[in-house]
Amino acid sequence: MYQKENKPEYILCSAVWYKELPLKKPEVLRLRGYSPYNTDKGIVLCGWRHANCLYQMVAIYGISNNEAGESIQGFLTNLNRFVDRKEAMEIALKSGQIKDKNKLINPRIGLFSEDLY
């Protein structure tokens, strides 16, 4: 685990965790710490917006988002953790990344990248 007690967590970028997409060499990412430490299978793709992640998956795997199996839209944190939209909202609020709570896109669902930048 990369989290340090004195290091505050904040949101880095949008991410989508494709739980069912296979990796040919998972050790390249997993054993070297290049994938979020709290994901145990599949692949996490990151981007400026969630659409960047979706189109990366389509370009790499050649399938539609519906064909990719189970996926979760969320965010990557500075502590190399994947979090879903709801937890991301909590982190962004706590870290001061959200300046105007009244302008959140849909707080019931959780954080959207447009809420941050």
PDB file of N, CA and C in Angstrom:
ATOM      1  N   MET A   1       0.849  -1.184   0.000  1.00  0.00           N
ATOM      2  CA  MET A   1       0.000   0.000   0.000  1.00  0.00           C
ATOM      3  C   MET A   1       0.888   1.237   0.000  1.00  0.00           C
ATOM      4  N   TYR A   2       0.551   2.215  -0.819  1.00  0.00           N
ATOM      5  CA  TYR A   2       1.375   3.406  -0.982  1.00  0.00           C
ATOM      6  C   TYR A   2       0.990   4.555  -0.062  1.00  0.00           C
ATOM      7  N   GLN A   3      -0.168   4.472   0.567  1.00  0.00           N
ATOM      8  CA  GLN A   3      -0.651   5.595   1.358  1.00  0.00           C
ATOM      9  C   GLN A   3       0.251   5.843   2.559  1.00  0.00           C
ATOM     10  N   LYS A   4       0.594   7.093   2.764  1.00  0.00           N
ATOM     11  CA  LYS A   4       1.383   7.497   3.917  1.00  0.00           C
ATOM     12  C   LYS A   4       0.496   8.347   4.809  1.00  0.00           C
ATOM     13  N   GLU A   5       0.671   8.217   6.104  1.00  0.00           N
ATOM     14  CA  GLU A   5      -0.188   8.941   7.048  1.00  0.00           C
ATOM     15  C   GLU A   5      -0.147  10.450   6.852  1.00  0.00           C
ATOM     16  N   ASN A   6       0.997  11.005   6.508  1.00  0.00           N
ATOM     17  CA  ASN A   6       1.146  12.452   6.402  1.00  0.00           C
ATOM     18  C   ASN A   6       0.837  12.998   5.016  1.00  0.00           C
ATOM     19  N   LYS A   7       0.564  12.137   4.068  1.00  0.00           N
ATOM     20  CA  LYS A   7       0.345  12.582   2.693  1.00  0.00           C
ATOM     21  C   LYS A   7      -1.146  12.615   2.396  1.00  0.00           C
ATOM     22  N   PRO A   8      -1.714  13.810   2.162  1.00  0.00           N
ATOM     23  CA  PRO A   8      -3.150  13.890   1.861  1.00  0.00           C
ATOM     24  C   PRO A   8      -3.456  13.324   0.469  1.00  0.00           C
ATOM     25  N   GLU A   9      -4.596  12.665   0.369  1.00  0.00           N
ATOM     26  CA  GLU A   9      -5.010  12.073  -0.900  1.00  0.00           C
ATOM     27  C   GLU A   9      -5.832  13.077  -1.687  1.00  0.00           C
ATOM     28  N   TYR A  10      -5.628  13.108  -3.006  1.00  0.00           N
ATOM     29  CA  TYR A  10      -6.425  13.955  -3.872  1.00  0.00           C
ATOM     30  C   TYR A  10      -6.624  13.250  -5.215  1.00  0.00           C
ATOM     31  N   ILE A  11      -7.533  13.762  -6.001  1.00  0.00           N
ATOM     32  CA  ILE A  11      -7.887  13.172  -7.281  1.00  0.00           C
ATOM     33  C   ILE A  11      -6.928  13.663  -8.363  1.00  0.00           C
ATOM     34  N   LEU A  12      -6.382  12.724  -9.140  1.00  0.00           N
ATOM     35  CA  LEU A  12      -5.493  13.066 -10.252  1.00  0.00           C
ATOM     36  C   LEU A  12      -6.234  13.184 -11.576  1.00  0.00           C
ATOM     37  N   CYS A  13      -7.003  12.138 -11.928  1.00  0.00           N
ATOM     38  CA  CYS A  13      -7.628  12.113 -13.252  1.00  0.00           C
ATOM     39  C   CYS A  13      -8.763  11.098 -13.298  1.00  0.00           C
ATOM     40  N   SER A  14      -9.533  11.183 -14.356  1.00  0.00           N
ATOM     41  CA  SER A  14     -10.606  10.219 -14.597  1.00  0.00           C
ATOM     42  C   SER A  14     -10.008   8.851 -14.872  1.00  0.00           C
ATOM     43  N   ALA A  15     -10.759   7.817 -14.539  1.00  0.00           N
ATOM     44  CA  ALA A  15     -10.300   6.454 -14.795  1.00  0.00           C
ATOM     45  C   ALA A  15     -11.507   5.540 -14.957  1.00  0.00           C
ATOM     46  N   VAL A  16     -11.316   4.487 -15.721  1.00  0.00           N
ATOM     47  CA  VAL A  16     -12.325   3.443 -15.846  1.00  0.00           C
ATOM     48  C   VAL A  16     -11.628   2.112 -15.600  1.00  0.00           C
ATOM     49  N   TRP A  17     -12.185   1.330 -14.696  1.00  0.00           N
ATOM     50  CA  TRP A  17     -11.651   0.006 -14.387  1.00  0.00           C
ATOM     51  C   TRP A  17     -12.456  -1.010 -15.167  1.00  0.00           C
ATOM     52  N   TYR A  18     -11.823  -1.624 -16.149  1.00  0.00           N
ATOM     53  CA  TYR A  18     -12.430  -2.696 -16.926  1.00  0.00           C
ATOM     54  C   TYR A  18     -12.023  -4.017 -16.279  1.00  0.00           C
ATOM     55  N   LYS A  19     -12.899  -4.555 -15.461  1.00  0.00           N
ATOM     56  CA  LYS A  19     -12.573  -5.715 -14.646  1.00  0.00           C
ATOM     57  C   LYS A  19     -12.384  -7.009 -15.435  1.00  0.00           C
ATOM     58  N   GLU A  20     -13.029  -7.111 -16.587  1.00  0.00           N
ATOM     59  CA  GLU A  20     -13.011  -8.375 -17.319  1.00  0.00           C
ATOM     60  C   GLU A  20     -12.079  -8.386 -18.528  1.00  0.00           C
ATOM     61  N   LEU A  21     -11.439  -7.285 -18.826  1.00  0.00           N
ATOM     62  CA  LEU A  21     -10.543  -7.264 -19.981  1.00  0.00           C
ATOM     63  C   LEU A  21      -9.233  -7.962 -19.617  1.00  0.00           C
ATOM     64  N   PRO A  22      -8.812  -8.898 -20.458  1.00  0.00           N
ATOM     65  CA  PRO A  22      -7.607  -9.666 -20.142  1.00  0.00           C
ATOM     66  C   PRO A  22      -6.325  -8.895 -20.476  1.00  0.00           C
ATOM     67  N   LEU A  23      -5.309  -9.191 -19.699  1.00  0.00           N
ATOM     68  CA  LEU A  23      -3.969  -8.673 -19.970  1.00  0.00           C
ATOM     69  C   LEU A  23      -3.092  -9.849 -20.388  1.00  0.00           C
ATOM     70  N   LYS A  24      -2.291  -9.668 -21.409  1.00  0.00           N
ATOM     71  CA  LYS A  24      -1.400 -10.749 -21.855  1.00  0.00           C
ATOM     72  C   LYS A  24      -0.228 -10.929 -20.898  1.00  0.00           C
ATOM     73  N   LYS A  25       0.226  -9.835 -20.291  1.00  0.00           N
ATOM     74  CA  LYS A  25       1.344  -9.892 -19.342  1.00  0.00           C
ATOM     75  C   LYS A  25       1.018  -9.032 -18.123  1.00  0.00           C
ATOM     76  N   PRO A  26       0.127  -9.499 -17.251  1.00  0.00           N
ATOM     77  CA  PRO A  26      -0.274  -8.684 -16.100  1.00  0.00           C
ATOM     78  C   PRO A  26       0.883  -8.323 -15.172  1.00  0.00           C
ATOM     79  N   GLU A  27       1.919  -9.145 -15.149  1.00  0.00           N
ATOM     80  CA  GLU A  27       3.056  -8.879 -14.270  1.00  0.00           C
ATOM     81  C   GLU A  27       3.769  -7.581 -14.632  1.00  0.00           C
ATOM     82  N   VAL A  28       3.678  -7.162 -15.874  1.00  0.00           N
ATOM     83  CA  VAL A  28       4.324  -5.914 -16.293  1.00  0.00           C
ATOM     84  C   VAL A  28       3.733  -4.738 -15.526  1.00  0.00           C
ATOM     85  N   LEU A  29       2.428  -4.750 -15.309  1.00  0.00           N
ATOM     86  CA  LEU A  29       1.769  -3.680 -14.562  1.00  0.00           C
ATOM     87  C   LEU A  29       1.729  -3.966 -13.069  1.00  0.00           C
ATOM     88  N   ARG A  30       1.294  -5.146 -12.700  1.00  0.00           N
ATOM     89  CA  ARG A  30       1.014  -5.455 -11.300  1.00  0.00           C
ATOM     90  C   ARG A  30       2.265  -5.540 -10.429  1.00  0.00           C
ATOM     91  N   LEU A  31       3.251  -6.276 -10.877  1.00  0.00           N
ATOM     92  CA  LEU A  31       4.435  -6.492 -10.052  1.00  0.00           C
ATOM     93  C   LEU A  31       5.331  -5.267  -9.951  1.00  0.00           C
ATOM     94  N   ARG A  32       5.171  -4.358 -10.872  1.00  0.00           N
ATOM     95  CA  ARG A  32       6.010  -3.147 -10.874  1.00  0.00           C
ATOM     96  C   ARG A  32       5.302  -1.939 -10.276  1.00  0.00           C
ATOM     97  N   GLY A  33       4.049  -2.110  -9.853  1.00  0.00           N
ATOM     98  CA  GLY A  33       3.320  -1.001  -9.251  1.00  0.00           C
ATOM     99  C   GLY A  33       2.763   0.003 -10.230  1.00  0.00           C
ATOM    100  N   TYR A  34       2.602  -0.389 -11.503  1.00  0.00           N
ATOM    101  CA  TYR A  34       2.098   0.536 -12.510  1.00  0.00           C
ATOM    102  C   TYR A  34       0.584   0.531 -12.629  1.00  0.00           C
ATOM    103  N   SER A  35      -0.073  -0.349 -11.915  1.00  0.00           N
ATOM    104  CA  SER A  35      -1.535  -0.317 -11.888  1.00  0.00           C
ATOM    105  C   SER A  35      -1.948   0.040 -10.464  1.00  0.00           C
ATOM    106  N   PRO A  36      -3.150   0.569 -10.284  1.00  0.00           N
ATOM    107  CA  PRO A  36      -3.584   0.912  -8.930  1.00  0.00           C
ATOM    108  C   PRO A  36      -3.482  -0.300  -8.004  1.00  0.00           C
ATOM    109  N   TYR A  37      -2.950  -0.100  -6.824  1.00  0.00           N
ATOM    110  CA  TYR A  37      -2.687  -1.222  -5.932  1.00  0.00           C
ATOM    111  C   TYR A  37      -3.956  -1.911  -5.439  1.00  0.00           C
ATOM    112  N   ASN A  38      -5.107  -1.255  -5.536  1.00  0.00           N
ATOM    113  CA  ASN A  38      -6.337  -1.850  -5.016  1.00  0.00           C
ATOM    114  C   ASN A  38      -7.205  -2.490  -6.105  1.00  0.00           C
ATOM    115  N   THR A  39      -6.632  -2.747  -7.285  1.00  0.00           N
ATOM    116  CA  THR A  39      -7.347  -3.474  -8.327  1.00  0.00           C
ATOM    117  C   THR A  39      -6.653  -4.812  -8.522  1.00  0.00           C
ATOM    118  N   ASP A  40      -7.424  -5.874  -8.547  1.00  0.00           N
ATOM    119  CA  ASP A  40      -6.830  -7.213  -8.583  1.00  0.00           C
ATOM    120  C   ASP A  40      -6.958  -7.930  -9.917  1.00  0.00           C
ATOM    121  N   LYS A  41      -7.651  -7.321 -10.868  1.00  0.00           N
ATOM    122  CA  LYS A  41      -7.834  -7.958 -12.171  1.00  0.00           C
ATOM    123  C   LYS A  41      -8.166  -6.893 -13.200  1.00  0.00           C
ATOM    124  N   GLY A  42      -8.143  -7.289 -14.474  1.00  0.00           N
ATOM    125  CA  GLY A  42      -8.490  -6.349 -15.530  1.00  0.00           C
ATOM    126  C   GLY A  42      -7.473  -5.240 -15.678  1.00  0.00           C
ATOM    127  N   ILE A  43      -7.951  -4.111 -16.199  1.00  0.00           N
ATOM    128  CA  ILE A  43      -7.066  -2.971 -16.454  1.00  0.00           C
ATOM    129  C   ILE A  43      -7.785  -1.668 -16.138  1.00  0.00           C
ATOM    130  N   VAL A  44      -7.039  -0.699 -15.641  1.00  0.00           N
ATOM    131  CA  VAL A  44      -7.560   0.638 -15.377  1.00  0.00           C
ATOM    132  C   VAL A  44      -6.944   1.580 -16.408  1.00  0.00           C
ATOM    133  N   LEU A  45      -7.810   2.234 -17.170  1.00  0.00           N
ATOM    134  CA  LEU A  45      -7.359   3.225 -18.147  1.00  0.00           C
ATOM    135  C   LEU A  45      -7.681   4.619 -17.617  1.00  0.00           C
ATOM    136  N   CYS A  46      -6.764   5.546 -17.805  1.00  0.00           N
ATOM    137  CA  CYS A  46      -6.916   6.896 -17.261  1.00  0.00           C
ATOM    138  C   CYS A  46      -6.919   7.930 -18.377  1.00  0.00           C
ATOM    139  N   GLY A  47      -7.537   9.072 -18.077  1.00  0.00           N
ATOM    140  CA  GLY A  47      -7.565  10.154 -19.045  1.00  0.00           C
ATOM    141  C   GLY A  47      -8.102  11.426 -18.436  1.00  0.00           C
ATOM    142  N   TRP A  48      -8.088  12.470 -19.217  1.00  0.00           N
ATOM    143  CA  TRP A  48      -8.569  13.776 -18.788  1.00  0.00           C
ATOM    144  C   TRP A  48     -10.053  13.715 -18.442  1.00  0.00           C
ATOM    145  N   ARG A  49     -10.827  13.070 -19.303  1.00  0.00           N
ATOM    146  CA  ARG A  49     -12.259  12.848 -19.083  1.00  0.00           C
ATOM    147  C   ARG A  49     -12.518  11.354 -19.229  1.00  0.00           C
ATOM    148  N   HIS A  50     -13.669  10.910 -18.749  1.00  0.00           N
ATOM    149  CA  HIS A  50     -13.998   9.492 -18.854  1.00  0.00           C
ATOM    150  C   HIS A  50     -14.093   9.036 -20.309  1.00  0.00           C
ATOM    151  N   ALA A  51     -14.509   9.923 -21.185  1.00  0.00           N
ATOM    152  CA  ALA A  51     -14.575   9.562 -22.610  1.00  0.00           C
ATOM    153  C   ALA A  51     -13.200   9.201 -23.162  1.00  0.00           C
ATOM    154  N   ASN A  52     -12.135   9.839 -22.661  1.00  0.00           N
ATOM    155  CA  ASN A  52     -10.792   9.480 -23.089  1.00  0.00           C
ATOM    156  C   ASN A  52     -10.489   8.019 -22.751  1.00  0.00           C
ATOM    157  N   CYS A  53     -10.904   7.595 -21.580  1.00  0.00           N
ATOM    158  CA  CYS A  53     -10.695   6.207 -21.149  1.00  0.00           C
ATOM    159  C   CYS A  53     -11.490   5.244 -22.023  1.00  0.00           C
ATOM    160  N   LEU A  54     -12.744   5.599 -22.292  1.00  0.00           N
ATOM    161  CA  LEU A  54     -13.608   4.744 -23.110  1.00  0.00           C
ATOM    162  C   LEU A  54     -13.031   4.565 -24.509  1.00  0.00           C
ATOM    163  N   TYR A  55     -12.590   5.649 -25.125  1.00  0.00           N
ATOM    164  CA  TYR A  55     -12.061   5.551 -26.484  1.00  0.00           C
ATOM    165  C   TYR A  55     -10.708   4.859 -26.526  1.00  0.00           C
ATOM    166  N   GLN A  56      -9.918   4.955 -25.466  1.00  0.00           N
ATOM    167  CA  GLN A  56      -8.674   4.187 -25.394  1.00  0.00           C
ATOM    168  C   GLN A  56      -8.988   2.696 -25.426  1.00  0.00           C
ATOM    169  N   MET A  57      -9.983   2.292 -24.638  1.00  0.00           N
ATOM    170  CA  MET A  57     -10.360   0.881 -24.591  1.00  0.00           C
ATOM    171  C   MET A  57     -10.807   0.403 -25.967  1.00  0.00           C
ATOM    172  N   VAL A  58     -11.637   1.187 -26.641  1.00  0.00           N
ATOM    173  CA  VAL A  58     -12.113   0.817 -27.974  1.00  0.00           C
ATOM    174  C   VAL A  58     -10.930   0.685 -28.936  1.00  0.00           C
ATOM    175  N   ALA A  59     -10.003   1.621 -28.913  1.00  0.00           N
ATOM    176  CA  ALA A  59      -8.849   1.603 -29.809  1.00  0.00           C
ATOM    177  C   ALA A  59      -7.927   0.410 -29.523  1.00  0.00           C
ATOM    178  N   ILE A  60      -7.745   0.079 -28.257  1.00  0.00           N
ATOM    179  CA  ILE A  60      -6.828  -1.003 -27.887  1.00  0.00           C
ATOM    180  C   ILE A  60      -7.451  -2.380 -28.112  1.00  0.00           C
ATOM    181  N   TYR A  61      -8.685  -2.553 -27.677  1.00  0.00           N
ATOM    182  CA  TYR A  61      -9.311  -3.874 -27.722  1.00  0.00           C
ATOM    183  C   TYR A  61     -10.201  -4.089 -28.943  1.00  0.00           C
ATOM    184  N   GLY A  62     -10.604  -3.026 -29.624  1.00  0.00           N
ATOM    185  CA  GLY A  62     -11.420  -3.162 -30.820  1.00  0.00           C
ATOM    186  C   GLY A  62     -12.840  -3.622 -30.559  1.00  0.00           C
ATOM    187  N   ILE A  63     -13.344  -3.344 -29.372  1.00  0.00           N
ATOM    188  CA  ILE A  63     -14.714  -3.709 -29.020  1.00  0.00           C
ATOM    189  C   ILE A  63     -15.430  -2.482 -28.459  1.00  0.00           C
ATOM    190  N   SER A  64     -16.749  -2.547 -28.420  1.00  0.00           N
ATOM    191  CA  SER A  64     -17.517  -1.426 -27.855  1.00  0.00           C
ATOM    192  C   SER A  64     -17.492  -1.503 -26.335  1.00  0.00           C
ATOM    193  N   ASN A  65     -17.867  -0.423 -25.708  1.00  0.00           N
ATOM    194  CA  ASN A  65     -17.909  -0.384 -24.249  1.00  0.00           C
ATOM    195  C   ASN A  65     -18.861  -1.454 -23.702  1.00  0.00           C
ATOM    196  N   ASN A  66     -19.955  -1.705 -24.392  1.00  0.00           N
ATOM    197  CA  ASN A  66     -20.916  -2.723 -23.957  1.00  0.00           C
ATOM    198  C   ASN A  66     -20.340  -4.130 -24.017  1.00  0.00           C
ATOM    199  N   GLU A  67     -19.370  -4.350 -24.885  1.00  0.00           N
ATOM    200  CA  GLU A  67     -18.754  -5.665 -25.031  1.00  0.00           C
ATOM    201  C   GLU A  67     -17.594  -5.892 -24.058  1.00  0.00           C
ATOM    202  N   ALA A  68     -17.203  -4.876 -23.330  1.00  0.00           N
ATOM    203  CA  ALA A  68     -16.016  -4.953 -22.474  1.00  0.00           C
ATOM    204  C   ALA A  68     -16.266  -5.641 -21.141  1.00  0.00           C
ATOM    205  N   GLY A  69     -17.504  -5.976 -20.839  1.00  0.00           N
ATOM    206  CA  GLY A  69     -17.795  -6.620 -19.566  1.00  0.00           C
ATOM    207  C   GLY A  69     -17.958  -5.603 -18.452  1.00  0.00           C
ATOM    208  N   GLU A  70     -17.829  -6.065 -17.233  1.00  0.00           N
ATOM    209  CA  GLU A  70     -18.040  -5.202 -16.067  1.00  0.00           C
ATOM    210  C   GLU A  70     -16.986  -4.092 -16.012  1.00  0.00           C
ATOM    211  N   SER A  71     -17.458  -2.884 -15.793  1.00  0.00           N
ATOM    212  CA  SER A  71     -16.540  -1.755 -15.654  1.00  0.00           C
ATOM    213  C   SER A  71     -17.097  -0.779 -14.633  1.00  0.00           C
ATOM    214  N   ILE A  72     -16.203   0.001 -14.059  1.00  0.00           N
ATOM    215  CA  ILE A  72     -16.578   1.022 -13.077  1.00  0.00           C
ATOM    216  C   ILE A  72     -15.920   2.326 -13.481  1.00  0.00           C
ATOM    217  N   GLN A  73     -16.716   3.372 -13.609  1.00  0.00           N
ATOM    218  CA  GLN A  73     -16.150   4.694 -13.859  1.00  0.00           C
ATOM    219  C   GLN A  73     -15.774   5.319 -12.527  1.00  0.00           C
ATOM    220  N   GLY A  74     -14.576   5.852 -12.465  1.00  0.00           N
ATOM    221  CA  GLY A  74     -14.101   6.461 -11.235  1.00  0.00           C
ATOM    222  C   GLY A  74     -12.919   7.374 -11.508  1.00  0.00           C
ATOM    223  N   PHE A  75     -11.981   7.363 -10.572  1.00  0.00           N
ATOM    224  CA  PHE A  75     -10.828   8.263 -10.646  1.00  0.00           C
ATOM    225  C   PHE A  75      -9.596   7.586 -10.074  1.00  0.00           C
ATOM    226  N   LEU A  76      -8.443   8.084 -10.475  1.00  0.00           N
ATOM    227  CA  LEU A  76      -7.173   7.659  -9.902  1.00  0.00           C
ATOM    228  C   LEU A  76      -6.710   8.740  -8.940  1.00  0.00           C
ATOM    229  N   THR A  77      -6.197   8.324  -7.790  1.00  0.00           N
ATOM    230  CA  THR A  77      -5.705   9.300  -6.813  1.00  0.00           C
ATOM    231  C   THR A  77      -4.178   9.370  -6.857  1.00  0.00           C
ATOM    232  N   ASN A  78      -3.640  10.369  -6.193  1.00  0.00           N
ATOM    233  CA  ASN A  78      -2.190  10.546  -6.112  1.00  0.00           C
ATOM    234  C   ASN A  78      -1.513   9.419  -5.334  1.00  0.00           C
ATOM    235  N   LEU A  79      -2.290   8.608  -4.633  1.00  0.00           N
ATOM    236  CA  LEU A  79      -1.728   7.489  -3.879  1.00  0.00           C
ATOM    237  C   LEU A  79      -1.871   6.169  -4.638  1.00  0.00           C
ATOM    238  N   ASN A  80      -2.073   6.264  -5.946  1.00  0.00           N
ATOM    239  CA  ASN A  80      -2.194   5.110  -6.833  1.00  0.00           C
ATOM    240  C   ASN A  80      -3.349   4.196  -6.429  1.00  0.00           C
ATOM    241  N   ARG A  81      -4.469   4.818  -6.143  1.00  0.00           N
ATOM    242  CA  ARG A  81      -5.673   4.097  -5.778  1.00  0.00           C
ATOM    243  C   ARG A  81      -6.776   4.419  -6.756  1.00  0.00           C
ATOM    244  N   PHE A  82      -7.507   3.393  -7.212  1.00  0.00           N
ATOM    245  CA  PHE A  82      -8.701   3.605  -8.010  1.00  0.00           C
ATOM    246  C   PHE A  82      -9.866   3.764  -7.050  1.00  0.00           C
ATOM    247  N   VAL A  83     -10.685   4.805  -7.261  1.00  0.00           N
ATOM    248  CA  VAL A  83     -11.873   5.017  -6.428  1.00  0.00           C
ATOM    249  C   VAL A  83     -13.074   5.263  -7.332  1.00  0.00           C
ATOM    250  N   ASP A  84     -14.240   4.833  -6.885  1.00  0.00           N
ATOM    251  CA  ASP A  84     -15.456   5.065  -7.672  1.00  0.00           C
ATOM    252  C   ASP A  84     -15.876   6.524  -7.543  1.00  0.00           C
ATOM    253  N   ARG A  85     -16.921   6.891  -8.252  1.00  0.00           N
ATOM    254  CA  ARG A  85     -17.355   8.296  -8.275  1.00  0.00           C
ATOM    255  C   ARG A  85     -17.740   8.824  -6.890  1.00  0.00           C
ATOM    256  N   LYS A  86     -18.391   7.989  -6.084  1.00  0.00           N
ATOM    257  CA  LYS A  86     -18.833   8.451  -4.765  1.00  0.00           C
ATOM    258  C   LYS A  86     -17.657   8.720  -3.833  1.00  0.00           C
ATOM    259  N   GLU A  87     -16.719   7.781  -3.765  1.00  0.00           N
ATOM    260  CA  GLU A  87     -15.549   7.992  -2.909  1.00  0.00           C
ATOM    261  C   GLU A  87     -14.707   9.151  -3.434  1.00  0.00           C
ATOM    262  N   ALA A  88     -14.643   9.288  -4.751  1.00  0.00           N
ATOM    263  CA  ALA A  88     -13.898  10.401  -5.343  1.00  0.00           C
ATOM    264  C   ALA A  88     -14.483  11.743  -4.913  1.00  0.00           C
ATOM    265  N   MET A  89     -15.803  11.814  -4.838  1.00  0.00           N
ATOM    266  CA  MET A  89     -16.467  13.041  -4.389  1.00  0.00           C
ATOM    267  C   MET A  89     -16.022  13.396  -2.966  1.00  0.00           C
ATOM    268  N   GLU A  90     -15.994  12.401  -2.095  1.00  0.00           N
ATOM    269  CA  GLU A  90     -15.567  12.630  -0.712  1.00  0.00           C
ATOM    270  C   GLU A  90     -14.123  13.126  -0.654  1.00  0.00           C
ATOM    271  N   ILE A  91     -13.259  12.499  -1.425  1.00  0.00           N
ATOM    272  CA  ILE A  91     -11.844  12.890  -1.445  1.00  0.00           C
ATOM    273  C   ILE A  91     -11.678  14.301  -1.991  1.00  0.00           C
ATOM    274  N   ALA A  92     -12.364  14.600  -3.095  1.00  0.00           N
ATOM    275  CA  ALA A  92     -12.247  15.935  -3.707  1.00  0.00           C
ATOM    276  C   ALA A  92     -12.761  17.025  -2.774  1.00  0.00           C
ATOM    277  N   LEU A  93     -13.840  16.757  -2.061  1.00  0.00           N
ATOM    278  CA  LEU A  93     -14.366  17.740  -1.100  1.00  0.00           C
ATOM    279  C   LEU A  93     -13.383  17.942   0.045  1.00  0.00           C
ATOM    280  N   LYS A  94     -12.880  16.847   0.589  1.00  0.00           N
ATOM    281  CA  LYS A  94     -11.953  16.918   1.729  1.00  0.00           C
ATOM    282  C   LYS A  94     -10.645  17.615   1.352  1.00  0.00           C
ATOM    283  N   SER A  95     -10.180  17.387   0.117  1.00  0.00           N
ATOM    284  CA  SER A  95      -8.897  17.958  -0.300  1.00  0.00           C
ATOM    285  C   SER A  95      -9.018  19.388  -0.838  1.00  0.00           C
ATOM    286  N   GLY A  96     -10.239  19.902  -0.925  1.00  0.00           N
ATOM    287  CA  GLY A  96     -10.437  21.268  -1.401  1.00  0.00           C
ATOM    288  C   GLY A  96     -10.385  21.413  -2.916  1.00  0.00           C
ATOM    289  N   GLN A  97     -10.551  20.316  -3.643  1.00  0.00           N
ATOM    290  CA  GLN A  97     -10.503  20.380  -5.104  1.00  0.00           C
ATOM    291  C   GLN A  97     -11.799  20.906  -5.705  1.00  0.00           C
ATOM    292  N   ILE A  98     -12.862  20.902  -4.940  1.00  0.00           N
ATOM    293  CA  ILE A  98     -14.140  21.421  -5.418  1.00  0.00           C
ATOM    294  C   ILE A  98     -14.353  22.781  -4.777  1.00  0.00           C
ATOM    295  N   LYS A  99     -14.419  23.797  -5.600  1.00  0.00           N
ATOM    296  CA  LYS A  99     -14.522  25.169  -5.095  1.00  0.00           C
ATOM    297  C   LYS A  99     -15.961  25.597  -4.823  1.00  0.00           C
ATOM    298  N   ASP A 100     -16.904  25.124  -5.625  1.00  0.00           N
ATOM    299  CA  ASP A 100     -18.299  25.540  -5.470  1.00  0.00           C
ATOM    300  C   ASP A 100     -19.201  24.308  -5.470  1.00  0.00           C
ATOM    301  N   LYS A 101     -19.615  23.874  -4.296  1.00  0.00           N
ATOM    302  CA  LYS A 101     -20.452  22.679  -4.163  1.00  0.00           C
ATOM    303  C   LYS A 101     -21.796  22.826  -4.867  1.00  0.00           C
ATOM    304  N   ASN A 102     -22.243  24.047  -5.072  1.00  0.00           N
ATOM    305  CA  ASN A 102     -23.529  24.279  -5.727  1.00  0.00           C
ATOM    306  C   ASN A 102     -23.487  24.026  -7.231  1.00  0.00           C
ATOM    307  N   LYS A 103     -22.291  23.896  -7.792  1.00  0.00           N
ATOM    308  CA  LYS A 103     -22.164  23.696  -9.239  1.00  0.00           C
ATOM    309  C   LYS A 103     -21.820  22.252  -9.611  1.00  0.00           C
ATOM    310  N   LEU A 104     -21.929  21.323  -8.669  1.00  0.00           N
ATOM    311  CA  LEU A 104     -21.637  19.920  -8.966  1.00  0.00           C
ATOM    312  C   LEU A 104     -22.648  19.375  -9.967  1.00  0.00           C
ATOM    313  N   ILE A 105     -22.187  18.578 -10.906  1.00  0.00           N
ATOM    314  CA  ILE A 105     -23.053  18.066 -11.966  1.00  0.00           C
ATOM    315  C   ILE A 105     -24.156  17.171 -11.417  1.00  0.00           C
ATOM    316  N   ASN A 106     -23.812  16.178 -10.631  1.00  0.00           N
ATOM    317  CA  ASN A 106     -24.813  15.280 -10.066  1.00  0.00           C
ATOM    318  C   ASN A 106     -24.259  14.628  -8.804  1.00  0.00           C
ATOM    319  N   PRO A 107     -24.372  15.302  -7.655  1.00  0.00           N
ATOM    320  CA  PRO A 107     -23.792  14.786  -6.416  1.00  0.00           C
ATOM    321  C   PRO A 107     -24.351  13.429  -5.983  1.00  0.00           C
ATOM    322  N   ARG A 108     -25.550  13.079  -6.438  1.00  0.00           N
ATOM    323  CA  ARG A 108     -26.111  11.763  -6.080  1.00  0.00           C
ATOM    324  C   ARG A 108     -25.292  10.635  -6.703  1.00  0.00           C
ATOM    325  N   ILE A 109     -24.791  10.852  -7.906  1.00  0.00           N
ATOM    326  CA  ILE A 109     -23.975   9.840  -8.583  1.00  0.00           C
ATOM    327  C   ILE A 109     -22.548   9.884  -8.068  1.00  0.00           C
ATOM    328  N   GLY A 110     -22.038  11.078  -7.836  1.00  0.00           N
ATOM    329  CA  GLY A 110     -20.664  11.243  -7.379  1.00  0.00           C
ATOM    330  C   GLY A 110     -19.933  12.260  -8.229  1.00  0.00           C
ATOM    331  N   LEU A 111     -18.629  12.171  -8.222  1.00  0.00           N
ATOM    332  CA  LEU A 111     -17.780  13.149  -8.888  1.00  0.00           C
ATOM    333  C   LEU A 111     -17.752  12.948 -10.401  1.00  0.00           C
ATOM    334  N   PHE A 112     -17.714  14.045 -11.130  1.00  0.00           N
ATOM    335  CA  PHE A 112     -17.480  14.064 -12.572  1.00  0.00           C
ATOM    336  C   PHE A 112     -16.216  14.882 -12.788  1.00  0.00           C
ATOM    337  N   SER A 113     -15.453  14.567 -13.809  1.00  0.00           N
ATOM    338  CA  SER A 113     -14.220  15.320 -14.062  1.00  0.00           C
ATOM    339  C   SER A 113     -14.529  16.797 -14.272  1.00  0.00           C
ATOM    340  N   GLU A 114     -15.701  17.107 -14.839  1.00  0.00           N
ATOM    341  CA  GLU A 114     -16.090  18.491 -15.057  1.00  0.00           C
ATOM    342  C   GLU A 114     -16.290  19.242 -13.736  1.00  0.00           C
ATOM    343  N   ASP A 115     -16.479  18.516 -12.648  1.00  0.00           N
ATOM    344  CA  ASP A 115     -16.570  19.151 -11.330  1.00  0.00           C
ATOM    345  C   ASP A 115     -15.221  19.671 -10.861  1.00  0.00           C
ATOM    346  N   LEU A 116     -14.151  19.117 -11.414  1.00  0.00           N
ATOM    347  CA  LEU A 116     -12.805  19.482 -10.992  1.00  0.00           C
ATOM    348  C   LEU A 116     -12.136  20.492 -11.912  1.00  0.00           C
ATOM    349  N   TYR A 117     -12.281  20.268 -13.227  1.00  0.00           N
ATOM    350  CA  TYR A 117     -11.573  21.103 -14.207  1.00  0.00           C
ATOM    351  C   TYR A 117     -12.343  21.165 -15.497  1.00  0.00           C
TER     352      TYR A 117
END
